[in-house]
Amino acid sequence: MTDSITNPTPDGLANQPSLDLANLAEIARWLAEILASGIVGNMAYDVLKNLRSRYGARRVDDLKARVLDEMRRVKRKPGVSDADLQLRVDRLFADHDTP
């Protein structure tokens, strides 16, 4: 897997950020936009697996908190609770560990 991959999606979420620790905020924003779009594909899971293998579980947990913060910003609608956003983020991060 390369550090920068283009993923053509209908929502224009085409450019995966570089997988550097310095880009955790950008990666979190990218994942939140994908999660908010409802189109979570293998690329998102591959990013999480790649980050875990490179930087360890602690960095992935840090990223998870940042994704939740970004989801609050991206998906702020009256009918969407913080608990719902937390559940969506939890599912994304739980799913990345499954084969």
N, C-alpha and C. Protein backbone atom coordinates (compact mmCIF):
# COMPACT_ATOMS: atom_id res chain seq x y z
N MET A 1 0.84 -1.17 0.00
CA MET A 1 0.00 0.00 0.00
C MET A 1 0.88 1.23 0.00
N THR A 2 0.55 2.19 -0.83
CA THR A 2 1.32 3.41 -0.85
C THR A 2 0.81 4.37 0.19
N ASP A 3 1.58 5.44 0.46
CA ASP A 3 1.19 6.40 1.46
C ASP A 3 0.10 7.34 0.99
N SER A 4 -0.13 7.44 -0.27
CA SER A 4 -1.18 8.30 -0.77
C SER A 4 -1.92 7.57 -1.87
N ILE A 5 -3.21 7.39 -1.68
CA ILE A 5 -4.01 6.61 -2.60
C ILE A 5 -5.20 7.45 -3.02
N THR A 6 -5.58 7.33 -4.27
CA THR A 6 -6.78 8.01 -4.72
C THR A 6 -7.91 7.00 -4.75
N ASN A 7 -9.00 7.36 -4.10
CA ASN A 7 -10.17 6.49 -4.02
C ASN A 7 -11.34 7.21 -4.66
N PRO A 8 -11.72 6.86 -5.87
CA PRO A 8 -12.84 7.56 -6.49
C PRO A 8 -14.14 7.22 -5.79
N THR A 9 -14.79 8.22 -5.23
CA THR A 9 -16.07 8.03 -4.58
C THR A 9 -17.04 9.07 -5.11
N PRO A 10 -18.32 8.78 -5.05
CA PRO A 10 -19.30 9.71 -5.59
C PRO A 10 -19.36 11.03 -4.83
N ASP A 11 -18.92 11.06 -3.60
CA ASP A 11 -19.00 12.27 -2.80
C ASP A 11 -17.76 13.15 -2.89
N GLY A 12 -16.84 12.83 -3.76
CA GLY A 12 -15.65 13.65 -3.91
C GLY A 12 -14.63 13.44 -2.80
N LEU A 13 -14.69 12.35 -2.10
CA LEU A 13 -13.76 12.06 -1.02
C LEU A 13 -12.56 11.30 -1.59
N ALA A 14 -11.96 11.88 -2.61
CA ALA A 14 -11.01 11.15 -3.42
C ALA A 14 -9.62 11.02 -2.82
N ASN A 15 -9.13 11.99 -2.12
CA ASN A 15 -7.73 11.96 -1.75
C ASN A 15 -7.50 11.58 -0.31
N GLN A 16 -6.90 10.43 -0.13
CA GLN A 16 -6.51 9.98 1.20
C GLN A 16 -5.30 10.78 1.63
N PRO A 17 -5.29 11.29 2.84
CA PRO A 17 -4.10 12.01 3.31
C PRO A 17 -2.92 11.07 3.51
N SER A 18 -1.76 11.65 3.50
CA SER A 18 -0.54 10.90 3.77
C SER A 18 -0.61 10.31 5.17
N LEU A 19 -0.14 9.08 5.31
CA LEU A 19 -0.25 8.37 6.59
C LEU A 19 0.94 8.68 7.50
N ASP A 20 1.08 9.93 7.87
CA ASP A 20 2.12 10.38 8.79
C ASP A 20 1.47 10.77 10.10
N LEU A 21 2.22 10.67 11.19
CA LEU A 21 1.69 11.11 12.48
C LEU A 21 1.34 12.60 12.46
N ALA A 22 2.07 13.37 11.69
CA ALA A 22 1.81 14.80 11.60
C ALA A 22 0.46 15.09 10.94
N ASN A 23 -0.09 14.12 10.25
CA ASN A 23 -1.36 14.30 9.53
C ASN A 23 -2.55 13.68 10.25
N LEU A 24 -2.45 13.38 11.54
CA LEU A 24 -3.57 12.73 12.23
C LEU A 24 -4.85 13.57 12.15
N ALA A 25 -4.75 14.87 12.25
CA ALA A 25 -5.94 15.72 12.17
C ALA A 25 -6.57 15.62 10.78
N GLU A 26 -5.75 15.62 9.76
CA GLU A 26 -6.25 15.50 8.38
C GLU A 26 -6.84 14.11 8.14
N ILE A 27 -6.21 13.08 8.66
CA ILE A 27 -6.74 11.72 8.53
C ILE A 27 -8.08 11.62 9.25
N ALA A 28 -8.17 12.21 10.43
CA ALA A 28 -9.43 12.19 11.19
C ALA A 28 -10.54 12.89 10.41
N ARG A 29 -10.23 14.00 9.81
CA ARG A 29 -11.22 14.74 9.01
C ARG A 29 -11.67 13.90 7.82
N TRP A 30 -10.71 13.26 7.15
CA TRP A 30 -11.01 12.41 5.99
C TRP A 30 -11.91 11.24 6.40
N LEU A 31 -11.56 10.56 7.50
CA LEU A 31 -12.37 9.44 7.96
C LEU A 31 -13.77 9.89 8.38
N ALA A 32 -13.87 11.04 9.03
CA ALA A 32 -15.17 11.56 9.46
C ALA A 32 -16.05 11.87 8.25
N GLU A 33 -15.46 12.42 7.21
CA GLU A 33 -16.23 12.72 6.00
C GLU A 33 -16.72 11.43 5.34
N ILE A 34 -15.87 10.43 5.31
CA ILE A 34 -16.27 9.13 4.75
C ILE A 34 -17.38 8.52 5.61
N LEU A 35 -17.21 8.54 6.91
CA LEU A 35 -18.20 7.97 7.82
C LEU A 35 -19.53 8.72 7.71
N ALA A 36 -19.48 10.02 7.61
CA ALA A 36 -20.69 10.84 7.49
C ALA A 36 -21.40 10.59 6.16
N SER A 37 -20.64 10.25 5.13
CA SER A 37 -21.24 10.01 3.82
C SER A 37 -22.01 8.69 3.77
N GLY A 38 -21.70 7.79 4.69
CA GLY A 38 -22.35 6.49 4.70
C GLY A 38 -21.68 5.48 3.79
N ILE A 39 -20.59 5.89 3.14
CA ILE A 39 -19.88 5.00 2.22
C ILE A 39 -18.52 4.67 2.83
N VAL A 40 -18.51 3.67 3.68
CA VAL A 40 -17.26 3.26 4.32
C VAL A 40 -16.80 1.99 3.62
N GLY A 41 -15.73 2.12 2.89
CA GLY A 41 -15.22 0.99 2.14
C GLY A 41 -13.94 0.44 2.73
N ASN A 42 -13.38 -0.49 2.00
CA ASN A 42 -12.14 -1.14 2.43
C ASN A 42 -11.01 -0.15 2.63
N MET A 43 -11.01 0.93 1.87
CA MET A 43 -9.91 1.89 1.99
C MET A 43 -9.81 2.46 3.41
N ALA A 44 -10.95 2.79 4.01
CA ALA A 44 -10.93 3.33 5.37
C ALA A 44 -10.37 2.29 6.34
N TYR A 45 -10.78 1.04 6.18
CA TYR A 45 -10.27 -0.01 7.06
C TYR A 45 -8.78 -0.26 6.82
N ASP A 46 -8.37 -0.20 5.57
CA ASP A 46 -6.95 -0.36 5.24
C ASP A 46 -6.11 0.74 5.89
N VAL A 47 -6.62 1.95 5.88
CA VAL A 47 -5.91 3.07 6.51
C VAL A 47 -5.73 2.79 8.00
N LEU A 48 -6.81 2.37 8.65
CA LEU A 48 -6.73 2.09 10.09
C LEU A 48 -5.76 0.95 10.40
N LYS A 49 -5.82 -0.11 9.60
CA LYS A 49 -4.89 -1.24 9.81
C LYS A 49 -3.44 -0.80 9.58
N ASN A 50 -3.24 0.00 8.55
CA ASN A 50 -1.89 0.48 8.24
C ASN A 50 -1.37 1.37 9.37
N LEU A 51 -2.21 2.26 9.87
CA LEU A 51 -1.80 3.13 10.98
C LEU A 51 -1.47 2.31 12.22
N ARG A 52 -2.29 1.30 12.51
CA ARG A 52 -2.03 0.46 13.69
C ARG A 52 -0.70 -0.26 13.54
N SER A 53 -0.44 -0.80 12.37
CA SER A 53 0.81 -1.54 12.19
C SER A 53 2.03 -0.62 12.24
N ARG A 54 1.89 0.59 11.76
CA ARG A 54 3.01 1.54 11.77
C ARG A 54 3.25 2.18 13.13
N TYR A 55 2.16 2.59 13.80
CA TYR A 55 2.29 3.46 14.97
C TYR A 55 1.73 2.88 16.26
N GLY A 56 1.03 1.76 16.19
CA GLY A 56 0.51 1.12 17.39
C GLY A 56 -0.90 1.54 17.76
N ALA A 57 -1.44 0.79 18.71
CA ALA A 57 -2.84 0.96 19.12
C ALA A 57 -3.08 2.33 19.77
N ARG A 58 -2.10 2.84 20.48
CA ARG A 58 -2.28 4.13 21.16
C ARG A 58 -2.57 5.24 20.18
N ARG A 59 -1.87 5.25 19.07
CA ARG A 59 -2.09 6.29 18.05
C ARG A 59 -3.45 6.12 17.37
N VAL A 60 -3.88 4.88 17.20
CA VAL A 60 -5.20 4.62 16.61
C VAL A 60 -6.28 5.09 17.59
N ASP A 61 -6.08 4.88 18.88
CA ASP A 61 -7.04 5.38 19.87
C ASP A 61 -7.10 6.90 19.86
N ASP A 62 -5.95 7.53 19.69
CA ASP A 62 -5.89 8.99 19.59
C ASP A 62 -6.66 9.45 18.34
N LEU A 63 -6.47 8.74 17.26
CA LEU A 63 -7.17 9.06 16.02
C LEU A 63 -8.68 8.89 16.20
N LYS A 64 -9.09 7.87 16.93
CA LYS A 64 -10.51 7.62 17.17
C LYS A 64 -11.16 8.82 17.86
N ALA A 65 -10.50 9.36 18.86
CA ALA A 65 -11.02 10.54 19.56
C ALA A 65 -11.12 11.73 18.61
N ARG A 66 -10.15 11.88 17.74
CA ARG A 66 -10.16 12.98 16.78
C ARG A 66 -11.27 12.80 15.74
N VAL A 67 -11.51 11.56 15.32
CA VAL A 67 -12.58 11.29 14.36
C VAL A 67 -13.93 11.64 14.99
N LEU A 68 -14.12 11.30 16.26
CA LEU A 68 -15.37 11.65 16.93
C LEU A 68 -15.55 13.17 16.97
N ASP A 69 -14.50 13.90 17.29
CA ASP A 69 -14.58 15.37 17.28
C ASP A 69 -14.95 15.89 15.90
N GLU A 70 -14.35 15.33 14.87
CA GLU A 70 -14.65 15.74 13.51
C GLU A 70 -16.08 15.37 13.12
N MET A 71 -16.54 14.20 13.56
CA MET A 71 -17.93 13.80 13.28
C MET A 71 -18.90 14.79 13.90
N ARG A 72 -18.60 15.27 15.08
CA ARG A 72 -19.46 16.27 15.72
C ARG A 72 -19.54 17.53 14.86
N ARG A 73 -18.44 17.86 14.21
CA ARG A 73 -18.41 19.05 13.36
C ARG A 73 -19.09 18.79 12.02
N VAL A 74 -18.80 17.65 11.40
CA VAL A 74 -19.28 17.33 10.06
C VAL A 74 -20.76 16.95 10.06
N LYS A 75 -21.19 16.20 11.03
CA LYS A 75 -22.53 15.60 11.03
C LYS A 75 -23.42 16.26 12.07
N ARG A 76 -23.32 17.54 12.25
CA ARG A 76 -24.10 18.24 13.26
C ARG A 76 -25.50 18.54 12.73
N LYS A 77 -26.44 17.65 13.04
CA LYS A 77 -27.83 17.82 12.65
C LYS A 77 -28.67 17.63 13.91
N PRO A 78 -29.83 18.25 13.97
CA PRO A 78 -30.66 18.15 15.18
C PRO A 78 -31.00 16.73 15.59
N GLY A 79 -31.24 15.83 14.65
CA GLY A 79 -31.64 14.47 14.98
C GLY A 79 -30.52 13.51 15.27
N VAL A 80 -29.28 13.97 15.20
CA VAL A 80 -28.13 13.09 15.40
C VAL A 80 -27.49 13.41 16.75
N SER A 81 -27.59 12.45 17.65
CA SER A 81 -27.07 12.65 19.01
C SER A 81 -25.58 12.33 19.07
N ASP A 82 -24.94 12.79 20.13
CA ASP A 82 -23.54 12.43 20.35
C ASP A 82 -23.38 10.93 20.53
N ALA A 83 -24.38 10.30 21.15
CA ALA A 83 -24.32 8.84 21.35
C ALA A 83 -24.35 8.12 20.00
N ASP A 84 -25.13 8.63 19.05
CA ASP A 84 -25.18 8.03 17.72
C ASP A 84 -23.84 8.20 17.00
N LEU A 85 -23.27 9.39 17.11
CA LEU A 85 -21.96 9.62 16.50
C LEU A 85 -20.91 8.71 17.12
N GLN A 86 -20.94 8.59 18.44
CA GLN A 86 -19.99 7.71 19.13
C GLN A 86 -20.15 6.28 18.66
N LEU A 87 -21.38 5.82 18.50
CA LEU A 87 -21.64 4.46 18.02
C LEU A 87 -21.07 4.25 16.62
N ARG A 88 -21.26 5.21 15.74
CA ARG A 88 -20.73 5.10 14.37
C ARG A 88 -19.21 5.00 14.38
N VAL A 89 -18.58 5.85 15.18
CA VAL A 89 -17.12 5.83 15.25
C VAL A 89 -16.64 4.53 15.87
N ASP A 90 -17.31 4.09 16.95
CA ASP A 90 -16.94 2.82 17.59
C ASP A 90 -17.01 1.66 16.60
N ARG A 91 -18.06 1.64 15.80
CA ARG A 91 -18.22 0.56 14.80
C ARG A 91 -17.09 0.59 13.77
N LEU A 92 -16.78 1.77 13.28
CA LEU A 92 -15.69 1.89 12.30
C LEU A 92 -14.39 1.34 12.88
N PHE A 93 -14.07 1.74 14.09
CA PHE A 93 -12.80 1.33 14.67
C PHE A 93 -12.83 -0.13 15.14
N ALA A 94 -14.00 -0.65 15.49
CA ALA A 94 -14.09 -2.07 15.85
C ALA A 94 -13.97 -2.94 14.61
N ASP A 95 -14.59 -2.48 13.51
CA ASP A 95 -14.57 -3.24 12.26
C ASP A 95 -13.18 -3.35 11.66
N HIS A 96 -12.31 -2.40 11.92
CA HIS A 96 -11.00 -2.45 11.28
C HIS A 96 -10.13 -3.57 11.82
N ASP A 97 -10.49 -4.09 12.98
CA ASP A 97 -9.71 -5.18 13.56
C ASP A 97 -10.17 -6.56 13.09
N THR A 98 -11.31 -6.61 12.39
CA THR A 98 -11.80 -7.90 11.94
C THR A 98 -11.16 -8.27 10.60
N PRO A 99 -10.92 -9.56 10.39
CA PRO A 99 -10.28 -9.97 9.13
C PRO A 99 -11.21 -9.81 7.94
